[in-house]
Amino acid sequence: MSQTLTIKLLGPREWNRVIRSDERYSRVDEDPVEPNMGFADRERGTVYVRNTHWPELNRYLIEHELEHLLEENATDVDEYGICPALANAVHQQR
């Protein structure tokens, strides 16, 4: 059985709407110093990524979150099944 995956590249207004749309996303942006650049919702099979307007960085963030959706044993997952991508992980890729 194949799983349908959804990728959403979001602007600031859409990002804020999404993270407030589900109680499970309440911790996605709780650290103002190191905000999340994206997250994967394993339950919904959806990747949410902030649009950086840098195609290479967007691609990296999307691929990173897709890996979380596709991995057999979930890593970097909170108690709600959400896999956030912190900004410091992005800095390490530059």
C-alpha atoms as a PDB file:
ATOM      1  CA  MET A   1       0.000   0.000   0.000  1.00  0.00           C
ATOM      2  CA  SER A   2       1.456   3.371  -0.982  1.00  0.00           C
ATOM      3  CA  GLN A   3       1.195   6.468   1.160  1.00  0.00           C
ATOM      4  CA  THR A   4       0.253   9.818  -0.319  1.00  0.00           C
ATOM      5  CA  LEU A   5       2.652  12.552   0.781  1.00  0.00           C
ATOM      6  CA  THR A   6       1.947  16.271   0.632  1.00  0.00           C
ATOM      7  CA  ILE A   7       4.542  19.053   0.496  1.00  0.00           C
ATOM      8  CA  LYS A   8       3.568  22.597   1.428  1.00  0.00           C
ATOM      9  CA  LEU A   9       5.992  25.482   0.828  1.00  0.00           C
ATOM     10  CA  LEU A  10       4.599  28.345   2.890  1.00  0.00           C
ATOM     11  CA  GLY A  11       4.966  32.100   3.080  1.00  0.00           C
ATOM     12  CA  PRO A  12       4.935  33.830   6.502  1.00  0.00           C
ATOM     13  CA  ARG A  13       1.169  34.326   6.676  1.00  0.00           C
ATOM     14  CA  GLU A  14       0.420  30.735   5.609  1.00  0.00           C
ATOM     15  CA  TRP A  15       3.054  29.406   8.055  1.00  0.00           C
ATOM     16  CA  ASN A  16       1.449  31.241  10.976  1.00  0.00           C
ATOM     17  CA  ARG A  17      -2.002  29.998   9.990  1.00  0.00           C
ATOM     18  CA  VAL A  18      -0.811  26.378   9.758  1.00  0.00           C
ATOM     19  CA  ILE A  19       1.054  26.286  13.075  1.00  0.00           C
ATOM     20  CA  ARG A  20      -2.046  27.630  14.814  1.00  0.00           C
ATOM     21  CA  SER A  21      -4.390  25.223  13.028  1.00  0.00           C
ATOM     22  CA  ASP A  22      -3.559  22.134  15.081  1.00  0.00           C
ATOM     23  CA  GLU A  23      -2.806  21.800  18.784  1.00  0.00           C
ATOM     24  CA  ARG A  24      -0.049  19.294  17.934  1.00  0.00           C
ATOM     25  CA  TYR A  25       1.901  22.087  16.196  1.00  0.00           C
ATOM     26  CA  SER A  26       1.932  24.319  19.292  1.00  0.00           C
ATOM     27  CA  ARG A  27       5.649  23.766  19.925  1.00  0.00           C
ATOM     28  CA  VAL A  28       6.847  24.268  16.345  1.00  0.00           C
ATOM     29  CA  ASP A  29       7.735  27.946  16.865  1.00  0.00           C
ATOM     30  CA  GLU A  30       8.169  28.152  20.619  1.00  0.00           C
ATOM     31  CA  ASP A  31      11.867  29.143  20.411  1.00  0.00           C
ATOM     32  CA  PRO A  32      12.117  32.673  18.905  1.00  0.00           C
ATOM     33  CA  VAL A  33      15.939  32.499  18.799  1.00  0.00           C
ATOM     34  CA  GLU A  34      16.082  29.335  16.673  1.00  0.00           C
ATOM     35  CA  PRO A  35      12.799  29.107  14.783  1.00  0.00           C
ATOM     36  CA  ASN A  36      11.857  25.993  12.887  1.00  0.00           C
ATOM     37  CA  MET A  37      12.283  26.138   9.150  1.00  0.00           C
ATOM     38  CA  GLY A  38       9.906  23.278   8.569  1.00  0.00           C
ATOM     39  CA  PHE A  39       8.342  20.214  10.094  1.00  0.00           C
ATOM     40  CA  ALA A  40       6.892  16.876   9.128  1.00  0.00           C
ATOM     41  CA  ASP A  41       3.537  15.616  10.347  1.00  0.00           C
ATOM     42  CA  ARG A  42       3.873  11.831  10.203  1.00  0.00           C
ATOM     43  CA  GLU A  43       0.190  11.309  10.994  1.00  0.00           C
ATOM     44  CA  ARG A  44      -0.994  13.389   8.017  1.00  0.00           C
ATOM     45  CA  GLY A  45       1.915  12.542   5.717  1.00  0.00           C
ATOM     46  CA  THR A  46       2.565  16.239   5.195  1.00  0.00           C
ATOM     47  CA  VAL A  47       5.738  18.319   5.061  1.00  0.00           C
ATOM     48  CA  TYR A  48       5.496  22.025   5.884  1.00  0.00           C
ATOM     49  CA  VAL A  49       8.473  24.221   4.963  1.00  0.00           C
ATOM     50  CA  ARG A  50       8.984  27.975   5.197  1.00  0.00           C
ATOM     51  CA  ASN A  51       9.680  29.424   1.769  1.00  0.00           C
ATOM     52  CA  THR A  52      13.208  30.846   2.006  1.00  0.00           C
ATOM     53  CA  HIS A  53      13.164  32.021  -1.631  1.00  0.00           C
ATOM     54  CA  TRP A  54      16.444  30.130  -2.079  1.00  0.00           C
ATOM     55  CA  PRO A  55      15.614  27.113  -4.255  1.00  0.00           C
ATOM     56  CA  GLU A  56      18.573  25.058  -3.002  1.00  0.00           C
ATOM     57  CA  LEU A  57      17.701  25.677   0.649  1.00  0.00           C
ATOM     58  CA  ASN A  58      14.016  24.969   0.040  1.00  0.00           C
ATOM     59  CA  ARG A  59      14.993  21.714  -1.662  1.00  0.00           C
ATOM     60  CA  TYR A  60      17.234  20.728   1.251  1.00  0.00           C
ATOM     61  CA  LEU A  61      14.506  21.466   3.825  1.00  0.00           C
ATOM     62  CA  ILE A  62      11.888  19.530   1.864  1.00  0.00           C
ATOM     63  CA  GLU A  63      14.206  16.537   1.422  1.00  0.00           C
ATOM     64  CA  HIS A  64      15.090  16.616   5.120  1.00  0.00           C
ATOM     65  CA  GLU A  65      11.441  16.560   6.163  1.00  0.00           C
ATOM     66  CA  LEU A  66      10.568  13.871   3.606  1.00  0.00           C
ATOM     67  CA  GLU A  67      13.260  11.682   5.154  1.00  0.00           C
ATOM     68  CA  HIS A  68      11.416  11.987   8.464  1.00  0.00           C
ATOM     69  CA  LEU A  69       8.166  10.898   6.842  1.00  0.00           C
ATOM     70  CA  LEU A  70       9.756   7.928   5.110  1.00  0.00           C
ATOM     71  CA  GLU A  71      12.076   6.624   7.823  1.00  0.00           C
ATOM     72  CA  GLU A  72      10.996   3.370   9.410  1.00  0.00           C
ATOM     73  CA  ASN A  73      11.974   4.351  12.955  1.00  0.00           C
ATOM     74  CA  ALA A  74      11.057   7.963  13.593  1.00  0.00           C
ATOM     75  CA  THR A  75      13.854  10.266  14.773  1.00  0.00           C
ATOM     76  CA  ASP A  76      13.657  13.860  16.047  1.00  0.00           C
ATOM     77  CA  VAL A  77       9.974  13.396  16.833  1.00  0.00           C
ATOM     78  CA  ASP A  78       8.101  15.093  19.654  1.00  0.00           C
ATOM     79  CA  GLU A  79       5.311  13.482  21.632  1.00  0.00           C
ATOM     80  CA  TYR A  80       2.788  14.550  18.969  1.00  0.00           C
ATOM     81  CA  GLY A  81       4.610  12.843  16.090  1.00  0.00           C
ATOM     82  CA  ILE A  82       5.911  16.148  14.733  1.00  0.00           C
ATOM     83  CA  CYS A  83       9.477  16.314  13.348  1.00  0.00           C
ATOM     84  CA  PRO A  84      10.686  19.936  13.389  1.00  0.00           C
ATOM     85  CA  ALA A  85      13.692  21.212  11.405  1.00  0.00           C
ATOM     86  CA  LEU A  86      15.481  23.749  13.562  1.00  0.00           C
ATOM     87  CA  ALA A  87      17.314  26.704  12.106  1.00  0.00           C
ATOM     88  CA  ASN A  88      20.623  25.500  13.566  1.00  0.00           C
ATOM     89  CA  ALA A  89      20.394  22.388  11.383  1.00  0.00           C
ATOM     90  CA  VAL A  90      20.150  24.672   8.362  1.00  0.00           C
ATOM     91  CA  HIS A  91      23.204  26.672   9.442  1.00  0.00           C
ATOM     92  CA  GLN A  92      25.225  23.463   9.557  1.00  0.00           C
ATOM     93  CA  GLN A  93      24.422  22.830   5.867  1.00  0.00           C
ATOM     94  CA  ARG A  94      25.794  26.190   4.644  1.00  0.00           C
END
